[in-house]
Amino acid sequence: FKERKELANKIDLEDFLNRSNKQKTL
């Protein structure tokens, strides 16, 4: 799990809140 997590990107809440309206609608 740790090895796979090292290759992943952590989601930042502030960045995620700024996603597009199109994304939110979908």
mmCIF file of all heavy atoms, coordinates in Angstrom:
data_MODEL
# 
_entry.id   MODEL 
# 
loop_
_atom_site.group_PDB 
_atom_site.id 
_atom_site.type_symbol 
_atom_site.label_atom_id 
_atom_site.label_alt_id 
_atom_site.label_comp_id 
_atom_site.label_asym_id 
_atom_site.label_entity_id 
_atom_site.label_seq_id 
_atom_site.pdbx_PDB_ins_code 
_atom_site.Cartn_x 
_atom_site.Cartn_y 
_atom_site.Cartn_z 
_atom_site.occupancy 
_atom_site.B_iso_or_equiv 
_atom_site.pdbx_formal_charge 
_atom_site.auth_seq_id 
_atom_site.auth_comp_id 
_atom_site.auth_asym_id 
_atom_site.auth_atom_id 
_atom_site.pdbx_PDB_model_num 
ATOM 1   N N   . PHE A 1 1  ? 0.836   -1.204 0.000   1.00 0.00 ? 1  PHE A N   1 
ATOM 2   C CA  . PHE A 1 1  ? 0.000   0.000  0.000   1.00 0.00 ? 1  PHE A CA  1 
ATOM 3   C C   . PHE A 1 1  ? 0.873   1.258  0.000   1.00 0.00 ? 1  PHE A C   1 
ATOM 4   O O   . PHE A 1 1  ? 0.620   2.200  -0.765  1.00 0.00 ? 1  PHE A O   1 
ATOM 5   C CB  . PHE A 1 1  ? -0.917  -0.011 1.232   1.00 0.00 ? 1  PHE A CB  1 
ATOM 6   C CG  . PHE A 1 1  ? -1.897  1.125  1.291   1.00 0.00 ? 1  PHE A CG  1 
ATOM 7   C CD1 . PHE A 1 1  ? -3.129  1.022  0.673   1.00 0.00 ? 1  PHE A CD1 1 
ATOM 8   C CD2 . PHE A 1 1  ? -1.583  2.301  1.969   1.00 0.00 ? 1  PHE A CD2 1 
ATOM 9   C CE1 . PHE A 1 1  ? -4.043  2.075  0.724   1.00 0.00 ? 1  PHE A CE1 1 
ATOM 10  C CE2 . PHE A 1 1  ? -2.489  3.347  2.036   1.00 0.00 ? 1  PHE A CE2 1 
ATOM 11  C CZ  . PHE A 1 1  ? -3.727  3.239  1.410   1.00 0.00 ? 1  PHE A CZ  1 
ATOM 12  N N   . LYS A 1 2  ? 1.916   1.258  0.822   1.00 0.00 ? 2  LYS A N   1 
ATOM 13  C CA  . LYS A 1 2  ? 2.807   2.414  0.912   1.00 0.00 ? 2  LYS A CA  1 
ATOM 14  C C   . LYS A 1 2  ? 3.530   2.661  -0.407  1.00 0.00 ? 2  LYS A C   1 
ATOM 15  O O   . LYS A 1 2  ? 3.692   3.814  -0.841  1.00 0.00 ? 2  LYS A O   1 
ATOM 16  C CB  . LYS A 1 2  ? 3.822   2.213  2.046   1.00 0.00 ? 2  LYS A CB  1 
ATOM 17  C CG  . LYS A 1 2  ? 3.237   2.347  3.443   1.00 0.00 ? 2  LYS A CG  1 
ATOM 18  C CD  . LYS A 1 2  ? 4.294   2.116  4.506   1.00 0.00 ? 2  LYS A CD  1 
ATOM 19  C CE  . LYS A 1 2  ? 3.717   2.293  5.910   1.00 0.00 ? 2  LYS A CE  1 
ATOM 20  N NZ  . LYS A 1 2  ? 4.739   2.016  6.960   1.00 0.00 ? 2  LYS A NZ  1 
ATOM 21  N N   . GLU A 1 3  ? 3.982   1.577  -1.039  1.00 0.00 ? 3  GLU A N   1 
ATOM 22  C CA  . GLU A 1 3  ? 4.676   1.710  -2.320  1.00 0.00 ? 3  GLU A CA  1 
ATOM 23  C C   . GLU A 1 3  ? 3.765   2.316  -3.376  1.00 0.00 ? 3  GLU A C   1 
ATOM 24  O O   . GLU A 1 3  ? 4.184   3.175  -4.160  1.00 0.00 ? 3  GLU A O   1 
ATOM 25  C CB  . GLU A 1 3  ? 5.180   0.336  -2.785  1.00 0.00 ? 3  GLU A CB  1 
ATOM 26  C CG  . GLU A 1 3  ? 6.350   -0.203 -1.975  1.00 0.00 ? 3  GLU A CG  1 
ATOM 27  C CD  . GLU A 1 3  ? 6.759   -1.599 -2.419  1.00 0.00 ? 3  GLU A CD  1 
ATOM 28  O OE1 . GLU A 1 3  ? 6.328   -2.034 -3.508  1.00 0.00 ? 3  GLU A OE1 1 
ATOM 29  O OE2 . GLU A 1 3  ? 7.515   -2.265 -1.671  1.00 0.00 ? 3  GLU A OE2 1 
ATOM 30  N N   . ARG A 1 4  ? 2.519   1.869  -3.396  1.00 0.00 ? 4  ARG A N   1 
ATOM 31  C CA  . ARG A 1 4  ? 1.569   2.392  -4.371  1.00 0.00 ? 4  ARG A CA  1 
ATOM 32  C C   . ARG A 1 4  ? 1.193   3.844  -4.046  1.00 0.00 ? 4  ARG A C   1 
ATOM 33  O O   . ARG A 1 4  ? 0.993   4.660  -4.941  1.00 0.00 ? 4  ARG A O   1 
ATOM 34  C CB  . ARG A 1 4  ? 0.318   1.515  -4.413  1.00 0.00 ? 4  ARG A CB  1 
ATOM 35  C CG  . ARG A 1 4  ? 0.596   0.110  -4.932  1.00 0.00 ? 4  ARG A CG  1 
ATOM 36  C CD  . ARG A 1 4  ? -0.666  -0.723 -5.007  1.00 0.00 ? 4  ARG A CD  1 
ATOM 37  N NE  . ARG A 1 4  ? -0.397  -2.065 -5.523  1.00 0.00 ? 4  ARG A NE  1 
ATOM 38  C CZ  . ARG A 1 4  ? -1.327  -2.971 -5.775  1.00 0.00 ? 4  ARG A CZ  1 
ATOM 39  N NH1 . ARG A 1 4  ? -2.592  -2.679 -5.557  1.00 0.00 ? 4  ARG A NH1 1 
ATOM 40  N NH2 . ARG A 1 4  ? -1.001  -4.153 -6.241  1.00 0.00 ? 4  ARG A NH2 1 
ATOM 41  N N   . LYS A 1 5  ? 1.117   4.152  -2.761  1.00 0.00 ? 5  LYS A N   1 
ATOM 42  C CA  . LYS A 1 5  ? 0.767   5.519  -2.354  1.00 0.00 ? 5  LYS A CA  1 
ATOM 43  C C   . LYS A 1 5  ? 1.862   6.509  -2.750  1.00 0.00 ? 5  LYS A C   1 
ATOM 44  O O   . LYS A 1 5  ? 1.578   7.670  -3.083  1.00 0.00 ? 5  LYS A O   1 
ATOM 45  C CB  . LYS A 1 5  ? 0.525   5.575  -0.843  1.00 0.00 ? 5  LYS A CB  1 
ATOM 46  C CG  . LYS A 1 5  ? -0.155  6.861  -0.380  1.00 0.00 ? 5  LYS A CG  1 
ATOM 47  C CD  . LYS A 1 5  ? -0.419  6.853  1.115   1.00 0.00 ? 5  LYS A CD  1 
ATOM 48  C CE  . LYS A 1 5  ? 0.842   7.197  1.880   1.00 0.00 ? 5  LYS A CE  1 
ATOM 49  N NZ  . LYS A 1 5  ? 0.612   7.438  3.315   1.00 0.00 ? 5  LYS A NZ  1 
ATOM 50  N N   . GLU A 1 6  ? 3.119   6.044  -2.721  1.00 0.00 ? 6  GLU A N   1 
ATOM 51  C CA  . GLU A 1 6  ? 4.238   6.907  -3.107  1.00 0.00 ? 6  GLU A CA  1 
ATOM 52  C C   . GLU A 1 6  ? 4.135   7.351  -4.567  1.00 0.00 ? 6  GLU A C   1 
ATOM 53  O O   . GLU A 1 6  ? 4.660   8.400  -4.952  1.00 0.00 ? 6  GLU A O   1 
ATOM 54  C CB  . GLU A 1 6  ? 5.570   6.161  -2.891  1.00 0.00 ? 6  GLU A CB  1 
ATOM 55  C CG  . GLU A 1 6  ? 5.959   5.986  -1.431  1.00 0.00 ? 6  GLU A CG  1 
ATOM 56  C CD  . GLU A 1 6  ? 6.214   7.314  -0.737  1.00 0.00 ? 6  GLU A CD  1 
ATOM 57  O OE1 . GLU A 1 6  ? 6.860   8.195  -1.340  1.00 0.00 ? 6  GLU A OE1 1 
ATOM 58  O OE2 . GLU A 1 6  ? 5.737   7.481  0.413   1.00 0.00 ? 6  GLU A OE2 1 
ATOM 59  N N   . LEU A 1 7  ? 3.463   6.553  -5.371  1.00 0.00 ? 7  LEU A N   1 
ATOM 60  C CA  . LEU A 1 7  ? 3.320   6.853  -6.795  1.00 0.00 ? 7  LEU A CA  1 
ATOM 61  C C   . LEU A 1 7  ? 2.040   7.637  -7.090  1.00 0.00 ? 7  LEU A C   1 
ATOM 62  O O   . LEU A 1 7  ? 1.729   7.908  -8.258  1.00 0.00 ? 7  LEU A O   1 
ATOM 63  C CB  . LEU A 1 7  ? 3.319   5.555  -7.609  1.00 0.00 ? 7  LEU A CB  1 
ATOM 64  C CG  . LEU A 1 7  ? 4.572   4.670  -7.477  1.00 0.00 ? 7  LEU A CG  1 
ATOM 65  C CD1 . LEU A 1 7  ? 4.364   3.350  -8.209  1.00 0.00 ? 7  LEU A CD1 1 
ATOM 66  C CD2 . LEU A 1 7  ? 5.801   5.400  -8.006  1.00 0.00 ? 7  LEU A CD2 1 
ATOM 67  N N   . ALA A 1 8  ? 1.309   7.983  -6.033  1.00 0.00 ? 8  ALA A N   1 
ATOM 68  C CA  . ALA A 1 8  ? 0.017   8.667  -6.200  1.00 0.00 ? 8  ALA A CA  1 
ATOM 69  C C   . ALA A 1 8  ? 0.127   10.134 -5.813  1.00 0.00 ? 8  ALA A C   1 
ATOM 70  O O   . ALA A 1 8  ? 1.103   10.570 -5.192  1.00 0.00 ? 8  ALA A O   1 
ATOM 71  C CB  . ALA A 1 8  ? -1.040  7.977  -5.346  1.00 0.00 ? 8  ALA A CB  1 
ATOM 72  N N   . ASN A 1 9  ? -0.885  10.902 -6.162  1.00 0.00 ? 9  ASN A N   1 
ATOM 73  C CA  . ASN A 1 9  ? -0.936  12.328 -5.828  1.00 0.00 ? 9  ASN A CA  1 
ATOM 74  C C   . ASN A 1 9  ? -2.018  12.585 -4.789  1.00 0.00 ? 9  ASN A C   1 
ATOM 75  O O   . ASN A 1 9  ? -3.165  12.172 -4.968  1.00 0.00 ? 9  ASN A O   1 
ATOM 76  C CB  . ASN A 1 9  ? -1.231  13.150 -7.077  1.00 0.00 ? 9  ASN A CB  1 
ATOM 77  C CG  . ASN A 1 9  ? -0.139  13.021 -8.120  1.00 0.00 ? 9  ASN A CG  1 
ATOM 78  O OD1 . ASN A 1 9  ? 1.034   13.206 -7.822  1.00 0.00 ? 9  ASN A OD1 1 
ATOM 79  N ND2 . ASN A 1 9  ? -0.527  12.693 -9.348  1.00 0.00 ? 9  ASN A ND2 1 
ATOM 80  N N   . LYS A 1 10 ? -1.645  13.282 -3.731  1.00 0.00 ? 10 LYS A N   1 
ATOM 81  C CA  . LYS A 1 10 ? -2.597  13.607 -2.678  1.00 0.00 ? 10 LYS A CA  1 
ATOM 82  C C   . LYS A 1 10 ? -3.466  14.783 -3.099  1.00 0.00 ? 10 LYS A C   1 
ATOM 83  O O   . LYS A 1 10 ? -2.976  15.778 -3.633  1.00 0.00 ? 10 LYS A O   1 
ATOM 84  C CB  . LYS A 1 10 ? -1.860  13.945 -1.380  1.00 0.00 ? 10 LYS A CB  1 
ATOM 85  C CG  . LYS A 1 10 ? -2.780  14.172 -0.189  1.00 0.00 ? 10 LYS A CG  1 
ATOM 86  C CD  . LYS A 1 10 ? -1.971  14.458 1.073   1.00 0.00 ? 10 LYS A CD  1 
ATOM 87  C CE  . LYS A 1 10 ? -2.886  14.678 2.271   1.00 0.00 ? 10 LYS A CE  1 
ATOM 88  N NZ  . LYS A 1 10 ? -2.110  14.974 3.503   1.00 0.00 ? 10 LYS A NZ  1 
ATOM 89  N N   . ILE A 1 11 ? -4.775  14.666 -2.872  1.00 0.00 ? 11 ILE A N   1 
ATOM 90  C CA  . ILE A 1 11 ? -5.711  15.739 -3.241  1.00 0.00 ? 11 ILE A CA  1 
ATOM 91  C C   . ILE A 1 11 ? -5.689  16.819 -2.159  1.00 0.00 ? 11 ILE A C   1 
ATOM 92  O O   . ILE A 1 11 ? -5.827  16.531 -0.969  1.00 0.00 ? 11 ILE A O   1 
ATOM 93  C CB  . ILE A 1 11 ? -7.143  15.201 -3.394  1.00 0.00 ? 11 ILE A CB  1 
ATOM 94  C CG1 . ILE A 1 11 ? -7.221  14.168 -4.517  1.00 0.00 ? 11 ILE A CG1 1 
ATOM 95  C CG2 . ILE A 1 11 ? -8.099  16.350 -3.700  1.00 0.00 ? 11 ILE A CG2 1 
ATOM 96  C CD1 . ILE A 1 11 ? -8.606  13.621 -4.730  1.00 0.00 ? 11 ILE A CD1 1 
ATOM 97  N N   . ASP A 1 12 ? -5.519  18.041 -2.595  1.00 0.00 ? 12 ASP A N   1 
ATOM 98  C CA  . ASP A 1 12 ? -5.590  19.188 -1.688  1.00 0.00 ? 12 ASP A CA  1 
ATOM 99  C C   . ASP A 1 12 ? -7.016  19.744 -1.711  1.00 0.00 ? 12 ASP A C   1 
ATOM 100 O O   . ASP A 1 12 ? -7.586  19.969 -2.782  1.00 0.00 ? 12 ASP A O   1 
ATOM 101 C CB  . ASP A 1 12 ? -4.603  20.270 -2.135  1.00 0.00 ? 12 ASP A CB  1 
ATOM 102 C CG  . ASP A 1 12 ? -4.664  21.509 -1.257  1.00 0.00 ? 12 ASP A CG  1 
ATOM 103 O OD1 . ASP A 1 12 ? -4.136  21.464 -0.135  1.00 0.00 ? 12 ASP A OD1 1 
ATOM 104 O OD2 . ASP A 1 12 ? -5.268  22.508 -1.709  1.00 0.00 ? 12 ASP A OD2 1 
ATOM 105 N N   . LEU A 1 13 ? -7.592  19.960 -0.544  1.00 0.00 ? 13 LEU A N   1 
ATOM 106 C CA  . LEU A 1 13 ? -8.984  20.405 -0.452  1.00 0.00 ? 13 LEU A CA  1 
ATOM 107 C C   . LEU A 1 13 ? -9.207  21.728 -1.187  1.00 0.00 ? 13 LEU A C   1 
ATOM 108 O O   . LEU A 1 13 ? -10.176 21.872 -1.948  1.00 0.00 ? 13 LEU A O   1 
ATOM 109 C CB  . LEU A 1 13 ? -9.401  20.538 1.018   1.00 0.00 ? 13 LEU A CB  1 
ATOM 110 C CG  . LEU A 1 13 ? -10.806 21.124 1.256   1.00 0.00 ? 13 LEU A CG  1 
ATOM 111 C CD1 . LEU A 1 13 ? -11.880 20.291 0.574   1.00 0.00 ? 13 LEU A CD1 1 
ATOM 112 C CD2 . LEU A 1 13 ? -11.078 21.240 2.750   1.00 0.00 ? 13 LEU A CD2 1 
ATOM 113 N N   . GLU A 1 14 ? -8.316  22.705 -0.969  1.00 0.00 ? 14 GLU A N   1 
ATOM 114 C CA  . GLU A 1 14 ? -8.496  24.019 -1.600  1.00 0.00 ? 14 GLU A CA  1 
ATOM 115 C C   . GLU A 1 14 ? -8.461  23.913 -3.116  1.00 0.00 ? 14 GLU A C   1 
ATOM 116 O O   . GLU A 1 14 ? -9.264  24.539 -3.819  1.00 0.00 ? 14 GLU A O   1 
ATOM 117 C CB  . GLU A 1 14 ? -7.414  24.990 -1.103  1.00 0.00 ? 14 GLU A CB  1 
ATOM 118 C CG  . GLU A 1 14 ? -7.525  25.330 0.371   1.00 0.00 ? 14 GLU A CG  1 
ATOM 119 C CD  . GLU A 1 14 ? -8.889  25.910 0.733   1.00 0.00 ? 14 GLU A CD  1 
ATOM 120 O OE1 . GLU A 1 14 ? -9.394  26.748 -0.041  1.00 0.00 ? 14 GLU A OE1 1 
ATOM 121 O OE2 . GLU A 1 14 ? -9.436  25.532 1.779   1.00 0.00 ? 14 GLU A OE2 1 
ATOM 122 N N   . ASP A 1 15 ? -7.541  23.099 -3.635  1.00 0.00 ? 15 ASP A N   1 
ATOM 123 C CA  . ASP A 1 15 ? -7.468  22.905 -5.089  1.00 0.00 ? 15 ASP A CA  1 
ATOM 124 C C   . ASP A 1 15 ? -8.726  22.219 -5.605  1.00 0.00 ? 15 ASP A C   1 
ATOM 125 O O   . ASP A 1 15 ? -9.245  22.577 -6.673  1.00 0.00 ? 15 ASP A O   1 
ATOM 126 C CB  . ASP A 1 15 ? -6.239  22.072 -5.451  1.00 0.00 ? 15 ASP A CB  1 
ATOM 127 C CG  . ASP A 1 15 ? -4.940  22.840 -5.245  1.00 0.00 ? 15 ASP A CG  1 
ATOM 128 O OD1 . ASP A 1 15 ? -4.995  24.080 -5.180  1.00 0.00 ? 15 ASP A OD1 1 
ATOM 129 O OD2 . ASP A 1 15 ? -3.878  22.187 -5.140  1.00 0.00 ? 15 ASP A OD2 1 
ATOM 130 N N   . PHE A 1 16 ? -9.204  21.243 -4.845  1.00 0.00 ? 16 PHE A N   1 
ATOM 131 C CA  . PHE A 1 16 ? -10.379 20.490 -5.292  1.00 0.00 ? 16 PHE A CA  1 
ATOM 132 C C   . PHE A 1 16 ? -11.620 21.371 -5.305  1.00 0.00 ? 16 PHE A C   1 
ATOM 133 O O   . PHE A 1 16 ? -12.482 21.236 -6.184  1.00 0.00 ? 16 PHE A O   1 
ATOM 134 C CB  . PHE A 1 16 ? -10.596 19.272 -4.392  1.00 0.00 ? 16 PHE A CB  1 
ATOM 135 C CG  . PHE A 1 16 ? -11.638 18.313 -4.912  1.00 0.00 ? 16 PHE A CG  1 
ATOM 136 C CD1 . PHE A 1 16 ? -11.357 17.473 -5.979  1.00 0.00 ? 16 PHE A CD1 1 
ATOM 137 C CD2 . PHE A 1 16 ? -12.900 18.279 -4.352  1.00 0.00 ? 16 PHE A CD2 1 
ATOM 138 C CE1 . PHE A 1 16 ? -12.327 16.609 -6.478  1.00 0.00 ? 16 PHE A CE1 1 
ATOM 139 C CE2 . PHE A 1 16 ? -13.878 17.419 -4.837  1.00 0.00 ? 16 PHE A CE2 1 
ATOM 140 C CZ  . PHE A 1 16 ? -13.583 16.575 -5.903  1.00 0.00 ? 16 PHE A CZ  1 
ATOM 141 N N   . LEU A 1 17 ? -11.713 22.298 -4.367  1.00 0.00 ? 17 LEU A N   1 
ATOM 142 C CA  . LEU A 1 17 ? -12.868 23.195 -4.307  1.00 0.00 ? 17 LEU A CA  1 
ATOM 143 C C   . LEU A 1 17 ? -12.926 24.116 -5.526  1.00 0.00 ? 17 LEU A C   1 
ATOM 144 O O   . LEU A 1 17 ? -13.995 24.637 -5.876  1.00 0.00 ? 17 LEU A O   1 
ATOM 145 C CB  . LEU A 1 17 ? -12.828 24.027 -3.022  1.00 0.00 ? 17 LEU A CB  1 
ATOM 146 C CG  . LEU A 1 17 ? -13.079 23.270 -1.707  1.00 0.00 ? 17 LEU A CG  1 
ATOM 147 C CD1 . LEU A 1 17 ? -12.888 24.209 -0.523  1.00 0.00 ? 17 LEU A CD1 1 
ATOM 148 C CD2 . LEU A 1 17 ? -14.461 22.647 -1.686  1.00 0.00 ? 17 LEU A CD2 1 
ATOM 149 N N   . ASN A 1 18 ? -11.785 24.321 -6.166  1.00 0.00 ? 18 ASN A N   1 
ATOM 150 C CA  . ASN A 1 18 ? -11.722 25.221 -7.316  1.00 0.00 ? 18 ASN A CA  1 
ATOM 151 C C   . ASN A 1 18 ? -11.947 24.514 -8.657  1.00 0.00 ? 18 ASN A C   1 
ATOM 152 O O   . ASN A 1 18 ? -11.706 25.113 -9.714  1.00 0.00 ? 18 ASN A O   1 
ATOM 153 C CB  . ASN A 1 18 ? -10.358 25.932 -7.349  1.00 0.00 ? 18 ASN A CB  1 
ATOM 154 C CG  . ASN A 1 18 ? -10.204 26.923 -6.205  1.00 0.00 ? 18 ASN A CG  1 
ATOM 155 O OD1 . ASN A 1 18 ? -11.169 27.568 -5.802  1.00 0.00 ? 18 ASN A OD1 1 
ATOM 156 N ND2 . ASN A 1 18 ? -8.998  27.026 -5.672  1.00 0.00 ? 18 ASN A ND2 1 
ATOM 157 N N   . ARG A 1 19 ? -12.410 23.262 -8.609  1.00 0.00 ? 19 ARG A N   1 
ATOM 158 C CA  . ARG A 1 19 ? -12.673 22.563 -9.865  1.00 0.00 ? 19 ARG A CA  1 
ATOM 159 C C   . ARG A 1 19 ? -13.807 23.261 -10.615 1.00 0.00 ? 19 ARG A C   1 
ATOM 160 O O   . ARG A 1 19 ? -14.604 23.987 -10.018 1.00 0.00 ? 19 ARG A O   1 
ATOM 161 C CB  . ARG A 1 19 ? -13.001 21.091 -9.603  1.00 0.00 ? 19 ARG A CB  1 
ATOM 162 C CG  . ARG A 1 19 ? -14.294 20.823 -8.867  1.00 0.00 ? 19 ARG A CG  1 
ATOM 163 C CD  . ARG A 1 19 ? -14.298 19.400 -8.295  1.00 0.00 ? 19 ARG A CD  1 
ATOM 164 N NE  . ARG A 1 19 ? -15.572 19.010 -7.713  1.00 0.00 ? 19 ARG A NE  1 
ATOM 165 C CZ  . ARG A 1 19 ? -15.998 19.406 -6.523  1.00 0.00 ? 19 ARG A CZ  1 
ATOM 166 N NH1 . ARG A 1 19 ? -15.267 20.233 -5.795  1.00 0.00 ? 19 ARG A NH1 1 
ATOM 167 N NH2 . ARG A 1 19 ? -17.158 18.977 -6.063  1.00 0.00 ? 19 ARG A NH2 1 
ATOM 168 N N   . SER A 1 20 ? -13.896 22.997 -11.897 1.00 0.00 ? 20 SER A N   1 
ATOM 169 C CA  . SER A 1 20 ? -14.835 23.717 -12.761 1.00 0.00 ? 20 SER A CA  1 
ATOM 170 C C   . SER A 1 20 ? -16.292 23.357 -12.461 1.00 0.00 ? 20 SER A C   1 
ATOM 171 O O   . SER A 1 20 ? -16.588 22.293 -11.898 1.00 0.00 ? 20 SER A O   1 
ATOM 172 C CB  . SER A 1 20 ? -14.535 23.406 -14.227 1.00 0.00 ? 20 SER A CB  1 
ATOM 173 O OG  . SER A 1 20 ? -14.828 22.043 -14.506 1.00 0.00 ? 20 SER A OG  1 
ATOM 174 N N   . ASN A 1 21 ? -17.185 24.243 -12.866 1.00 0.00 ? 21 ASN A N   1 
ATOM 175 C CA  . ASN A 1 21 ? -18.618 23.983 -12.710 1.00 0.00 ? 21 ASN A CA  1 
ATOM 176 C C   . ASN A 1 21 ? -19.053 22.784 -13.559 1.00 0.00 ? 21 ASN A C   1 
ATOM 177 O O   . ASN A 1 21 ? -19.962 22.044 -13.174 1.00 0.00 ? 21 ASN A O   1 
ATOM 178 C CB  . ASN A 1 21 ? -19.428 25.223 -13.111 1.00 0.00 ? 21 ASN A CB  1 
ATOM 179 C CG  . ASN A 1 21 ? -19.313 26.334 -12.087 1.00 0.00 ? 21 ASN A CG  1 
ATOM 180 O OD1 . ASN A 1 21 ? -19.185 26.070 -10.893 1.00 0.00 ? 21 ASN A OD1 1 
ATOM 181 N ND2 . ASN A 1 21 ? -19.356 27.580 -12.557 1.00 0.00 ? 21 ASN A ND2 1 
ATOM 182 N N   . LYS A 1 22 ? -18.415 22.624 -14.703 1.00 0.00 ? 22 LYS A N   1 
ATOM 183 C CA  . LYS A 1 22 ? -18.709 21.468 -15.556 1.00 0.00 ? 22 LYS A CA  1 
ATOM 184 C C   . LYS A 1 22 ? -18.402 20.172 -14.805 1.00 0.00 ? 22 LYS A C   1 
ATOM 185 O O   . LYS A 1 22 ? -19.187 19.219 -14.828 1.00 0.00 ? 22 LYS A O   1 
ATOM 186 C CB  . LYS A 1 22 ? -17.894 21.541 -16.845 1.00 0.00 ? 22 LYS A CB  1 
ATOM 187 C CG  . LYS A 1 22 ? -18.103 20.347 -17.759 1.00 0.00 ? 22 LYS A CG  1 
ATOM 188 C CD  . LYS A 1 22 ? -17.194 20.424 -18.993 1.00 0.00 ? 22 LYS A CD  1 
ATOM 189 C CE  . LYS A 1 22 ? -17.345 19.166 -19.842 1.00 0.00 ? 22 LYS A CE  1 
ATOM 190 N NZ  . LYS A 1 22 ? -16.432 19.192 -21.026 1.00 0.00 ? 22 LYS A NZ  1 
ATOM 191 N N   . GLN A 1 23 ? -17.238 20.156 -14.135 1.00 0.00 ? 23 GLN A N   1 
ATOM 192 C CA  . GLN A 1 23 ? -16.845 18.974 -13.358 1.00 0.00 ? 23 GLN A CA  1 
ATOM 193 C C   . GLN A 1 23 ? -17.865 18.700 -12.254 1.00 0.00 ? 23 GLN A C   1 
ATOM 194 O O   . GLN A 1 23 ? -18.290 17.559 -12.047 1.00 0.00 ? 23 GLN A O   1 
ATOM 195 C CB  . GLN A 1 23 ? -15.458 19.205 -12.747 1.00 0.00 ? 23 GLN A CB  1 
ATOM 196 C CG  . GLN A 1 23 ? -15.004 18.149 -11.741 1.00 0.00 ? 23 GLN A CG  1 
ATOM 197 C CD  . GLN A 1 23 ? -14.391 16.924 -12.379 1.00 0.00 ? 23 GLN A CD  1 
ATOM 198 O OE1 . GLN A 1 23 ? -14.152 16.908 -13.575 1.00 0.00 ? 23 GLN A OE1 1 
ATOM 199 N NE2 . GLN A 1 23 ? -14.155 15.904 -11.586 1.00 0.00 ? 23 GLN A NE2 1 
ATOM 200 N N   . LYS A 1 24 ? -18.272 19.737 -11.557 1.00 0.00 ? 24 LYS A N   1 
ATOM 201 C CA  . LYS A 1 24 ? -19.237 19.571 -10.469 1.00 0.00 ? 24 LYS A CA  1 
ATOM 202 C C   . LYS A 1 24 ? -20.578 19.038 -10.989 1.00 0.00 ? 24 LYS A C   1 
ATOM 203 O O   . LYS A 1 24 ? -21.210 18.199 -10.343 1.00 0.00 ? 24 LYS A O   1 
ATOM 204 C CB  . LYS A 1 24 ? -19.443 20.902 -9.745  1.00 0.00 ? 24 LYS A CB  1 
ATOM 205 C CG  . LYS A 1 24 ? -18.226 21.401 -8.991  1.00 0.00 ? 24 LYS A CG  1 
ATOM 206 C CD  . LYS A 1 24 ? -18.483 22.772 -8.381  1.00 0.00 ? 24 LYS A CD  1 
ATOM 207 C CE  . LYS A 1 24 ? -17.237 23.295 -7.672  1.00 0.00 ? 24 LYS A CE  1 
ATOM 208 N NZ  . LYS A 1 24 ? -17.443 24.664 -7.119  1.00 0.00 ? 24 LYS A NZ  1 
ATOM 209 N N   . THR A 1 25 ? -20.998 19.538 -12.135 1.00 0.00 ? 25 THR A N   1 
ATOM 210 C CA  . THR A 1 25 ? -22.264 19.084 -12.725 1.00 0.00 ? 25 THR A CA  1 
ATOM 211 C C   . THR A 1 25 ? -22.198 17.616 -13.112 1.00 0.00 ? 25 THR A C   1 
ATOM 212 O O   . THR A 1 25 ? -23.124 16.836 -12.833 1.00 0.00 ? 25 THR A O   1 
ATOM 213 C CB  . THR A 1 25 ? -22.613 19.930 -13.968 1.00 0.00 ? 25 THR A CB  1 
ATOM 214 O OG1 . THR A 1 25 ? -22.703 21.302 -13.586 1.00 0.00 ? 25 THR A OG1 1 
ATOM 215 C CG2 . THR A 1 25 ? -23.931 19.484 -14.569 1.00 0.00 ? 25 THR A CG2 1 
ATOM 216 N N   . LEU A 1 26 ? -21.097 17.227 -13.741 1.00 0.00 ? 26 LEU A N   1 
ATOM 217 C CA  . LEU A 1 26 ? -20.914 15.819 -14.137 1.00 0.00 ? 26 LEU A CA  1 
ATOM 218 C C   . LEU A 1 26 ? -20.875 14.908 -12.912 1.00 0.00 ? 26 LEU A C   1 
ATOM 219 O O   . LEU A 1 26 ? -21.403 13.794 -12.933 1.00 0.00 ? 26 LEU A O   1 
ATOM 220 C CB  . LEU A 1 26 ? -19.638 15.662 -14.961 1.00 0.00 ? 26 LEU A CB  1 
ATOM 221 C CG  . LEU A 1 26 ? -19.680 16.272 -16.362 1.00 0.00 ? 26 LEU A CG  1 
ATOM 222 C CD1 . LEU A 1 26 ? -18.286 16.244 -17.004 1.00 0.00 ? 26 LEU A CD1 1 
ATOM 223 C CD2 . LEU A 1 26 ? -20.675 15.522 -17.243 1.00 0.00 ? 26 LEU A CD2 1 
# 
